């Protein structure tokens, strides 16, 4: 597959070689999924979209399965059963996500490809993309989102959780790009996803989720930020140097040197027509 630069950087880091970096990232980023798991009555959402006694679900850009894992930790009921089709361009991610699925989730098909290349119309009861679309390039976002919408049956339930432009992931990456990688493609923000949903005929309900993550442990912070940039070559010290990224990080650091990162995630939900 041919990928633009930011998507390629992301895919290169979803690998066994990047496992330590991935685990460092989730020392803080697991909070993203805990917040999502607590934001709705997901058991009711699944139950309300059951057909023939089960749910067929599409997990878009499934990553390492952190959202299903968060729902399981919250005590998701064992019924109705949920057959999960995993979609991700990374074979490593497909294997990671499959390994965490437990009742009521059961792995079904796997699609190792980009969302914008996916073809499955009106097949799924539920489709979600949770912190999944950042590397989908702006010029391909509308096509990708349209594929996700088209994959839902009439009455199917769609979910996208994406950080907005002022949230840490987007603000950090813009400052990183300005200082270290000005030619790479920007991340996609929640505002862009909402516009793409509108172009696909969807008017989602949008609920902002506000929360913070952080640490005084510089090793944890460095690993987290390197993964935010998909760049393990830039140290925390280099990030803190004078420049746009240094200025951004200075605003996240207190007098004792501890870091706090501010997140605003837009939880977008809709029912397909």
C-alpha atoms as a PDB file:
ATOM      1  CA  UNK A   1       0.000   0.000   0.000  1.00  0.00           C
ATOM      2  CA  UNK A   2       1.142   3.573  -0.686  1.00  0.00           C
ATOM      3  CA  UNK A   3       0.898   5.779   2.383  1.00  0.00           C
ATOM      4  CA  UNK A   4       1.473   9.494   2.943  1.00  0.00           C
ATOM      5  CA  UNK A   5       4.213  10.422   5.388  1.00  0.00           C
ATOM      6  CA  UNK A   6       2.333  10.680   8.699  1.00  0.00           C
ATOM      7  CA  UNK A   7       0.402   7.472   7.999  1.00  0.00           C
ATOM      8  CA  UNK A   8       3.666   5.727   7.128  1.00  0.00           C
ATOM      9  CA  UNK A   9       5.308   6.958  10.339  1.00  0.00           C
ATOM     10  CA  UNK A  10       2.352   5.638  12.318  1.00  0.00           C
ATOM     11  CA  UNK A  11       2.379   2.250  10.621  1.00  0.00           C
ATOM     12  CA  UNK A  12       6.133   1.876  11.075  1.00  0.00           C
ATOM     13  CA  UNK A  13       5.679   2.214  14.838  1.00  0.00           C
ATOM     14  CA  UNK A  14       2.891  -0.380  15.082  1.00  0.00           C
ATOM     15  CA  UNK A  15       5.296  -3.305  15.147  1.00  0.00           C
ATOM     16  CA  UNK A  16       7.011  -5.673  17.522  1.00  0.00           C
ATOM     17  CA  UNK A  17      10.086  -3.446  17.359  1.00  0.00           C
ATOM     18  CA  UNK A  18       7.948  -0.572  18.639  1.00  0.00           C
ATOM     19  CA  UNK A  19       6.375  -2.475  21.528  1.00  0.00           C
ATOM     20  CA  UNK A  20       8.385  -0.762  24.283  1.00  0.00           C
ATOM     21  CA  UNK A  21       7.478   2.643  22.868  1.00  0.00           C
ATOM     22  CA  UNK A  22       3.824   1.598  22.578  1.00  0.00           C
ATOM     23  CA  UNK A  23       3.735   0.456  26.206  1.00  0.00           C
ATOM     24  CA  UNK A  24       5.365   3.713  27.318  1.00  0.00           C
ATOM     25  CA  UNK A  25       2.666   5.639  25.464  1.00  0.00           C
ATOM     26  CA  UNK A  26      -0.140   3.701  27.115  1.00  0.00           C
ATOM     27  CA  UNK A  27       1.246   4.430  30.576  1.00  0.00           C
ATOM     28  CA  UNK A  28      -0.693   7.686  30.093  1.00  0.00           C
ATOM     29  CA  UNK A  29      -2.917   7.122  27.042  1.00  0.00           C
ATOM     30  CA  UNK A  30      -4.942   4.299  28.608  1.00  0.00           C
ATOM     31  CA  UNK A  31      -6.841   7.153  30.257  1.00  0.00           C
ATOM     32  CA  UNK A  32      -8.276   8.080  26.849  1.00  0.00           C
ATOM     33  CA  UNK A  33     -10.109   4.767  26.719  1.00  0.00           C
ATOM     34  CA  UNK A  34     -11.156   4.801  30.373  1.00  0.00           C
ATOM     35  CA  UNK A  35     -12.815   8.154  29.754  1.00  0.00           C
ATOM     36  CA  UNK A  36     -14.638   6.774  26.726  1.00  0.00           C
ATOM     37  CA  UNK A  37     -15.744   3.646  28.562  1.00  0.00           C
ATOM     38  CA  UNK A  38     -17.318   5.805  31.283  1.00  0.00           C
ATOM     39  CA  UNK A  39     -18.922   8.315  28.910  1.00  0.00           C
ATOM     40  CA  UNK A  40     -21.970   6.257  27.887  1.00  0.00           C
ATOM     41  CA  UNK A  41     -24.017   3.210  28.730  1.00  0.00           C
ATOM     42  CA  UNK A  42     -22.284   1.127  26.083  1.00  0.00           C
ATOM     43  CA  UNK A  43     -24.069  -2.049  27.155  1.00  0.00           C
ATOM     44  CA  UNK A  44     -27.373  -0.368  26.306  1.00  0.00           C
ATOM     45  CA  UNK A  45     -25.970   0.942  23.019  1.00  0.00           C
ATOM     46  CA  UNK A  46     -24.971  -2.564  21.987  1.00  0.00           C
ATOM     47  CA  UNK A  47     -28.191  -4.144  23.218  1.00  0.00           C
ATOM     48  CA  UNK A  48     -30.295  -1.569  21.350  1.00  0.00           C
ATOM     49  CA  UNK A  49     -28.605  -2.389  18.035  1.00  0.00           C
ATOM     50  CA  UNK A  50     -28.797  -6.163  18.198  1.00  0.00           C
ATOM     51  CA  UNK A  51     -30.177  -8.107  15.253  1.00  0.00           C
ATOM     52  CA  UNK A  52     -30.894 -11.851  15.277  1.00  0.00           C
ATOM     53  CA  UNK A  53     -29.560 -12.158  18.824  1.00  0.00           C
ATOM     54  CA  UNK A  54     -26.072 -10.845  18.097  1.00  0.00           C
ATOM     55  CA  UNK A  55     -24.160  -7.759  17.019  1.00  0.00           C
ATOM     56  CA  UNK A  56     -21.813  -7.457  14.078  1.00  0.00           C
ATOM     57  CA  UNK A  57     -19.254  -4.768  14.887  1.00  0.00           C
ATOM     58  CA  UNK A  58     -16.548  -3.101  12.797  1.00  0.00           C
ATOM     59  CA  UNK A  59     -13.569  -1.835  14.831  1.00  0.00           C
ATOM     60  CA  UNK A  60     -11.973   0.767  12.551  1.00  0.00           C
ATOM     61  CA  UNK A  61      -8.203   1.210  12.901  1.00  0.00           C
ATOM     62  CA  UNK A  62      -8.388  -1.135  15.887  1.00  0.00           C
ATOM     63  CA  UNK A  63      -4.845  -0.468  17.130  1.00  0.00           C
ATOM     64  CA  UNK A  64      -4.098  -2.667  20.116  1.00  0.00           C
ATOM     65  CA  UNK A  65      -7.727  -3.110  21.204  1.00  0.00           C
ATOM     66  CA  UNK A  66      -7.682  -0.619  24.052  1.00  0.00           C
ATOM     67  CA  UNK A  67     -11.341   0.387  23.766  1.00  0.00           C
ATOM     68  CA  UNK A  68     -12.822  -3.143  23.958  1.00  0.00           C
ATOM     69  CA  UNK A  69     -10.385  -3.831  26.802  1.00  0.00           C
ATOM     70  CA  UNK A  70     -11.651  -0.738  28.659  1.00  0.00           C
ATOM     71  CA  UNK A  71     -15.259  -1.853  28.210  1.00  0.00           C
ATOM     72  CA  UNK A  72     -14.407  -5.309  29.545  1.00  0.00           C
ATOM     73  CA  UNK A  73     -12.765  -3.767  32.609  1.00  0.00           C
ATOM     74  CA  UNK A  74     -15.983  -1.821  33.175  1.00  0.00           C
ATOM     75  CA  UNK A  75     -17.933  -5.105  33.315  1.00  0.00           C
ATOM     76  CA  UNK A  76     -19.619  -5.251  29.913  1.00  0.00           C
ATOM     77  CA  UNK A  77     -22.307  -7.974  30.100  1.00  0.00           C
ATOM     78  CA  UNK A  78     -21.713 -11.329  28.438  1.00  0.00           C
ATOM     79  CA  UNK A  79     -24.755 -10.907  26.192  1.00  0.00           C
ATOM     80  CA  UNK A  80     -25.542 -10.092  23.481  1.00  0.00           C
ATOM     81  CA  UNK A  81     -22.547 -11.643  21.731  1.00  0.00           C
ATOM     82  CA  UNK A  82     -20.516  -9.261  19.583  1.00  0.00           C
ATOM     83  CA  UNK A  83     -18.760 -10.565  16.463  1.00  0.00           C
ATOM     84  CA  UNK A  84     -15.890  -8.145  15.832  1.00  0.00           C
ATOM     85  CA  UNK A  85     -14.403  -7.478  12.413  1.00  0.00           C
ATOM     86  CA  UNK A  86     -11.009  -5.847  12.918  1.00  0.00           C
ATOM     87  CA  UNK A  87      -9.817  -3.277  10.382  1.00  0.00           C
ATOM     88  CA  UNK A  88      -6.265  -1.907  10.442  1.00  0.00           C
ATOM     89  CA  UNK A  89      -3.411  -1.529   7.948  1.00  0.00           C
ATOM     90  CA  UNK A  90      -1.046  -3.118  10.505  1.00  0.00           C
ATOM     91  CA  UNK A  91      -0.949  -6.895  10.878  1.00  0.00           C
ATOM     92  CA  UNK A  92       0.725  -6.349  14.258  1.00  0.00           C
ATOM     93  CA  UNK A  93      -2.267  -4.298  15.419  1.00  0.00           C
ATOM     94  CA  UNK A  94      -4.740  -6.906  14.212  1.00  0.00           C
ATOM     95  CA  UNK A  95      -2.974  -9.566  16.266  1.00  0.00           C
ATOM     96  CA  UNK A  96      -2.767  -7.320  19.338  1.00  0.00           C
ATOM     97  CA  UNK A  97      -6.452  -6.385  19.166  1.00  0.00           C
ATOM     98  CA  UNK A  98      -7.564  -9.962  18.579  1.00  0.00           C
ATOM     99  CA  UNK A  99      -5.636 -11.131  21.645  1.00  0.00           C
ATOM    100  CA  UNK A 100      -7.553  -8.871  24.068  1.00  0.00           C
ATOM    101  CA  UNK A 101     -11.065  -9.834  22.962  1.00  0.00           C
ATOM    102  CA  UNK A 102     -13.113 -11.698  25.557  1.00  0.00           C
ATOM    103  CA  UNK A 103     -16.823 -12.471  25.954  1.00  0.00           C
ATOM    104  CA  UNK A 104     -19.036 -10.851  24.738  1.00  0.00           C
ATOM    105  CA  UNK A 105     -16.515  -9.967  22.026  1.00  0.00           C
ATOM    106  CA  UNK A 106     -15.361 -12.649  19.606  1.00  0.00           C
ATOM    107  CA  UNK A 107     -12.964 -12.048  16.728  1.00  0.00           C
ATOM    108  CA  UNK A 108     -14.489 -12.574  13.300  1.00  0.00           C
ATOM    109  CA  UNK A 109     -12.962 -11.272  10.039  1.00  0.00           C
ATOM    110  CA  UNK A 110      -9.727  -9.307   9.784  1.00  0.00           C
ATOM    111  CA  UNK A 111      -9.102  -6.622   7.165  1.00  0.00           C
ATOM    112  CA  UNK A 112      -5.468  -5.553   6.816  1.00  0.00           C
ATOM    113  CA  UNK A 113      -6.006  -2.395   4.835  1.00  0.00           C
ATOM    114  CA  UNK A 114      -6.724   1.310   5.063  1.00  0.00           C
ATOM    115  CA  UNK A 115     -10.212   2.522   5.906  1.00  0.00           C
ATOM    116  CA  UNK A 116     -10.429   4.449   2.634  1.00  0.00           C
ATOM    117  CA  UNK A 117      -9.804   1.174   0.753  1.00  0.00           C
ATOM    118  CA  UNK A 118     -12.472  -0.778   2.672  1.00  0.00           C
ATOM    119  CA  UNK A 119     -15.580  -1.952   0.810  1.00  0.00           C
ATOM    120  CA  UNK A 120     -18.478  -3.346   2.851  1.00  0.00           C
ATOM    121  CA  UNK A 121     -21.851  -1.658   2.466  1.00  0.00           C
ATOM    122  CA  UNK A 122     -24.687  -1.854   5.025  1.00  0.00           C
ATOM    123  CA  UNK A 123     -23.193  -4.879   6.753  1.00  0.00           C
ATOM    124  CA  UNK A 124     -22.630  -3.836  10.372  1.00  0.00           C
ATOM    125  CA  UNK A 125     -24.850  -3.098  13.341  1.00  0.00           C
ATOM    126  CA  UNK A 126     -22.140  -1.004  15.023  1.00  0.00           C
ATOM    127  CA  UNK A 127     -18.951   0.629  13.760  1.00  0.00           C
ATOM    128  CA  UNK A 128     -16.532   2.579  15.927  1.00  0.00           C
ATOM    129  CA  UNK A 129     -13.242   4.394  15.490  1.00  0.00           C
ATOM    130  CA  UNK A 130     -11.795   5.388  18.859  1.00  0.00           C
ATOM    131  CA  UNK A 131      -8.723   7.655  18.742  1.00  0.00           C
ATOM    132  CA  UNK A 132      -8.136   5.973  15.417  1.00  0.00           C
ATOM    133  CA  UNK A 133      -8.213   8.507  12.579  1.00  0.00           C
ATOM    134  CA  UNK A 134      -5.360  10.915  13.370  1.00  0.00           C
ATOM    135  CA  UNK A 135      -3.091   9.642  10.599  1.00  0.00           C
ATOM    136  CA  UNK A 136      -5.842   9.552   7.988  1.00  0.00           C
ATOM    137  CA  UNK A 137      -4.612  12.383   5.720  1.00  0.00           C
ATOM    138  CA  UNK A 138      -6.870  15.395   5.177  1.00  0.00           C
ATOM    139  CA  UNK A 139      -7.259  14.748   1.448  1.00  0.00           C
ATOM    140  CA  UNK A 140      -8.446  11.174   2.129  1.00  0.00           C
ATOM    141  CA  UNK A 141     -10.526  11.817   5.239  1.00  0.00           C
ATOM    142  CA  UNK A 142     -13.851  12.285   3.445  1.00  0.00           C
ATOM    143  CA  UNK A 143     -13.404   9.053   1.484  1.00  0.00           C
ATOM    144  CA  UNK A 144     -12.462   7.109   4.610  1.00  0.00           C
ATOM    145  CA  UNK A 145     -15.330   8.409   6.720  1.00  0.00           C
ATOM    146  CA  UNK A 146     -17.762   7.745   3.871  1.00  0.00           C
ATOM    147  CA  UNK A 147     -16.606   4.110   3.822  1.00  0.00           C
ATOM    148  CA  UNK A 148     -17.274   3.792   7.535  1.00  0.00           C
ATOM    149  CA  UNK A 149     -20.762   5.297   7.187  1.00  0.00           C
ATOM    150  CA  UNK A 150     -21.541   3.056   4.218  1.00  0.00           C
ATOM    151  CA  UNK A 151     -20.515  -0.037   6.202  1.00  0.00           C
ATOM    152  CA  UNK A 152     -23.409   0.448   8.646  1.00  0.00           C
ATOM    153  CA  UNK A 153     -26.835  -1.053   7.997  1.00  0.00           C
ATOM    154  CA  UNK A 154     -29.887   1.219   8.172  1.00  0.00           C
ATOM    155  CA  UNK A 155     -30.393   1.897  11.876  1.00  0.00           C
ATOM    156  CA  UNK A 156     -26.795   0.938  12.628  1.00  0.00           C
ATOM    157  CA  UNK A 157     -24.865   2.797  15.318  1.00  0.00           C
ATOM    158  CA  UNK A 158     -21.721   4.769  14.483  1.00  0.00           C
ATOM    159  CA  UNK A 159     -19.110   6.102  16.915  1.00  0.00           C
ATOM    160  CA  UNK A 160     -16.003   8.224  16.407  1.00  0.00           C
ATOM    161  CA  UNK A 161     -13.905   9.515  19.305  1.00  0.00           C
ATOM    162  CA  UNK A 162     -11.298  12.038  18.188  1.00  0.00           C
ATOM    163  CA  UNK A 163      -9.344  14.804  19.897  1.00  0.00           C
ATOM    164  CA  UNK A 164     -10.201  18.337  18.804  1.00  0.00           C
ATOM    165  CA  UNK A 165      -7.742  20.867  17.401  1.00  0.00           C
ATOM    166  CA  UNK A 166      -6.939  22.465  20.763  1.00  0.00           C
ATOM    167  CA  UNK A 167      -6.359  19.122  22.510  1.00  0.00           C
ATOM    168  CA  UNK A 168      -2.899  17.838  23.420  1.00  0.00           C
ATOM    169  CA  UNK A 169      -2.408  15.350  20.572  1.00  0.00           C
ATOM    170  CA  UNK A 170      -3.142  17.916  17.878  1.00  0.00           C
ATOM    171  CA  UNK A 171      -1.444  20.897  19.555  1.00  0.00           C
ATOM    172  CA  UNK A 172       1.646  18.838  20.354  1.00  0.00           C
ATOM    173  CA  UNK A 173       1.950  17.447  16.822  1.00  0.00           C
ATOM    174  CA  UNK A 174       1.614  20.899  15.254  1.00  0.00           C
ATOM    175  CA  UNK A 175       4.405  22.212  17.490  1.00  0.00           C
ATOM    176  CA  UNK A 176       6.511  19.104  16.765  1.00  0.00           C
ATOM    177  CA  UNK A 177       6.022  19.538  13.021  1.00  0.00           C
ATOM    178  CA  UNK A 178       7.000  23.187  13.176  1.00  0.00           C
ATOM    179  CA  UNK A 179      10.221  22.412  15.040  1.00  0.00           C
ATOM    180  CA  UNK A 180      11.309  19.021  13.683  1.00  0.00           C
ATOM    181  CA  UNK A 181       9.287  17.878  10.664  1.00  0.00           C
ATOM    182  CA  UNK A 182       7.654  20.776   8.786  1.00  0.00           C
ATOM    183  CA  UNK A 183       6.980  18.720   5.661  1.00  0.00           C
ATOM    184  CA  UNK A 184       4.962  15.908   7.264  1.00  0.00           C
ATOM    185  CA  UNK A 185       1.178  15.796   7.009  1.00  0.00           C
ATOM    186  CA  UNK A 186      -0.761  17.171  10.007  1.00  0.00           C
ATOM    187  CA  UNK A 187      -2.983  14.996  12.127  1.00  0.00           C
ATOM    188  CA  UNK A 188      -6.713  14.938  11.454  1.00  0.00           C
ATOM    189  CA  UNK A 189      -8.762  16.610  14.187  1.00  0.00           C
ATOM    190  CA  UNK A 190     -12.299  16.067  15.454  1.00  0.00           C
ATOM    191  CA  UNK A 191     -13.535  19.129  13.605  1.00  0.00           C
ATOM    192  CA  UNK A 192     -12.366  17.626  10.317  1.00  0.00           C
ATOM    193  CA  UNK A 193     -14.036  14.310  11.119  1.00  0.00           C
ATOM    194  CA  UNK A 194     -17.318  16.082  11.888  1.00  0.00           C
ATOM    195  CA  UNK A 195     -17.125  17.885   8.532  1.00  0.00           C
ATOM    196  CA  UNK A 196     -16.456  14.566   6.762  1.00  0.00           C
ATOM    197  CA  UNK A 197     -19.430  12.968   8.520  1.00  0.00           C
ATOM    198  CA  UNK A 198     -21.579  15.877   7.373  1.00  0.00           C
ATOM    199  CA  UNK A 199     -20.409  15.373   3.789  1.00  0.00           C
ATOM    200  CA  UNK A 200     -21.437  11.712   4.131  1.00  0.00           C
ATOM    201  CA  UNK A 201     -24.951  12.749   5.187  1.00  0.00           C
ATOM    202  CA  UNK A 202     -24.482  12.268   8.933  1.00  0.00           C
ATOM    203  CA  UNK A 203     -25.206  14.824  11.646  1.00  0.00           C
ATOM    204  CA  UNK A 204     -23.636  13.285  14.753  1.00  0.00           C
ATOM    205  CA  UNK A 205     -24.391  14.075  18.349  1.00  0.00           C
ATOM    206  CA  UNK A 206     -21.139  15.489  19.738  1.00  0.00           C
ATOM    207  CA  UNK A 207     -20.221  15.300  23.431  1.00  0.00           C
ATOM    208  CA  UNK A 208     -16.877  16.856  24.478  1.00  0.00           C
ATOM    209  CA  UNK A 209     -14.890  14.916  27.077  1.00  0.00           C
ATOM    210  CA  UNK A 210     -12.438  17.010  29.132  1.00  0.00           C
ATOM    211  CA  UNK A 211      -9.627  15.384  31.137  1.00  0.00           C
ATOM    212  CA  UNK A 212      -5.905  15.538  31.826  1.00  0.00           C
ATOM    213  CA  UNK A 213      -3.011  13.106  31.887  1.00  0.00           C
ATOM    214  CA  UNK A 214       0.509  13.627  33.132  1.00  0.00           C
ATOM    215  CA  UNK A 215       3.521  12.497  35.102  1.00  0.00           C
ATOM    216  CA  UNK A 216       6.574  13.732  36.975  1.00  0.00           C
ATOM    217  CA  UNK A 217       8.559  10.764  35.605  1.00  0.00           C
ATOM    218  CA  UNK A 218      10.621  12.072  32.701  1.00  0.00           C
ATOM    219  CA  UNK A 219      11.045   8.600  31.251  1.00  0.00           C
ATOM    220  CA  UNK A 220       7.280   8.116  31.108  1.00  0.00           C
ATOM    221  CA  UNK A 221       6.795  11.568  29.611  1.00  0.00           C
ATOM    222  CA  UNK A 222       9.492  11.028  27.005  1.00  0.00           C
ATOM    223  CA  UNK A 223       8.045   7.695  25.883  1.00  0.00           C
ATOM    224  CA  UNK A 224       4.547   9.146  25.723  1.00  0.00           C
ATOM    225  CA  UNK A 225       5.610  12.162  23.668  1.00  0.00           C
ATOM    226  CA  UNK A 226       7.813  10.163  21.320  1.00  0.00           C
ATOM    227  CA  UNK A 227       4.808   8.022  20.484  1.00  0.00           C
ATOM    228  CA  UNK A 228       2.636  11.123  20.069  1.00  0.00           C
ATOM    229  CA  UNK A 229       5.110  12.204  17.383  1.00  0.00           C
ATOM    230  CA  UNK A 230       5.900   8.700  16.059  1.00  0.00           C
ATOM    231  CA  UNK A 231       9.519   9.742  16.433  1.00  0.00           C
ATOM    232  CA  UNK A 232      11.695   7.851  18.922  1.00  0.00           C
ATOM    233  CA  UNK A 233      14.848   9.683  17.805  1.00  0.00           C
ATOM    234  CA  UNK A 234      13.967  12.996  19.464  1.00  0.00           C
ATOM    235  CA  UNK A 235      14.680  13.048  23.193  1.00  0.00           C
ATOM    236  CA  UNK A 236      12.630  14.929  25.750  1.00  0.00           C
ATOM    237  CA  UNK A 237      15.575  17.289  26.215  1.00  0.00           C
ATOM    238  CA  UNK A 238      15.571  18.066  22.490  1.00  0.00           C
ATOM    239  CA  UNK A 239      11.816  18.622  22.551  1.00  0.00           C
ATOM    240  CA  UNK A 240      12.223  21.089  25.427  1.00  0.00           C
ATOM    241  CA  UNK A 241      14.777  23.201  23.538  1.00  0.00           C
ATOM    242  CA  UNK A 242      13.865  26.652  22.241  1.00  0.00           C
ATOM    243  CA  UNK A 243      11.282  26.596  19.493  1.00  0.00           C
ATOM    244  CA  UNK A 244       7.555  25.988  19.016  1.00  0.00           C
ATOM    245  CA  UNK A 245       7.616  22.589  20.696  1.00  0.00           C
ATOM    246  CA  UNK A 246       9.722  23.825  23.586  1.00  0.00           C
ATOM    247  CA  UNK A 247       7.255  26.656  24.118  1.00  0.00           C
ATOM    248  CA  UNK A 248       4.295  24.289  24.027  1.00  0.00           C
ATOM    249  CA  UNK A 249       5.878  21.899  26.524  1.00  0.00           C
ATOM    250  CA  UNK A 250       6.851  24.756  28.845  1.00  0.00           C
ATOM    251  CA  UNK A 251       3.147  25.516  29.123  1.00  0.00           C
ATOM    252  CA  UNK A 252       2.482  21.913  30.184  1.00  0.00           C
ATOM    253  CA  UNK A 253       5.140  21.840  32.933  1.00  0.00           C
ATOM    254  CA  UNK A 254       4.867  23.037  36.512  1.00  0.00           C
ATOM    255  CA  UNK A 255       7.571  24.571  38.703  1.00  0.00           C
ATOM    256  CA  UNK A 256       8.744  21.140  39.888  1.00  0.00           C
ATOM    257  CA  UNK A 257       9.037  19.841  36.318  1.00  0.00           C
ATOM    258  CA  UNK A 258       5.953  17.584  36.303  1.00  0.00           C
ATOM    259  CA  UNK A 259       3.922  17.518  33.102  1.00  0.00           C
ATOM    260  CA  UNK A 260       0.147  17.790  32.680  1.00  0.00           C
ATOM    261  CA  UNK A 261      -1.458  17.376  29.256  1.00  0.00           C
ATOM    262  CA  UNK A 262      -4.949  18.695  28.568  1.00  0.00           C
ATOM    263  CA  UNK A 263      -7.300  16.648  26.400  1.00  0.00           C
ATOM    264  CA  UNK A 264     -10.621  17.476  24.777  1.00  0.00           C
ATOM    265  CA  UNK A 265     -12.075  14.497  22.918  1.00  0.00           C
ATOM    266  CA  UNK A 266     -15.227  14.806  20.858  1.00  0.00           C
ATOM    267  CA  UNK A 267     -17.386  11.714  21.208  1.00  0.00           C
ATOM    268  CA  UNK A 268     -19.483  11.617  18.016  1.00  0.00           C
ATOM    269  CA  UNK A 269     -22.398   9.178  17.716  1.00  0.00           C
ATOM    270  CA  UNK A 270     -25.137   8.661  15.141  1.00  0.00           C
ATOM    271  CA  UNK A 271     -27.673   6.182  13.794  1.00  0.00           C
ATOM    272  CA  UNK A 272     -27.467   5.406  10.105  1.00  0.00           C
ATOM    273  CA  UNK A 273     -30.410   6.101   7.865  1.00  0.00           C
END
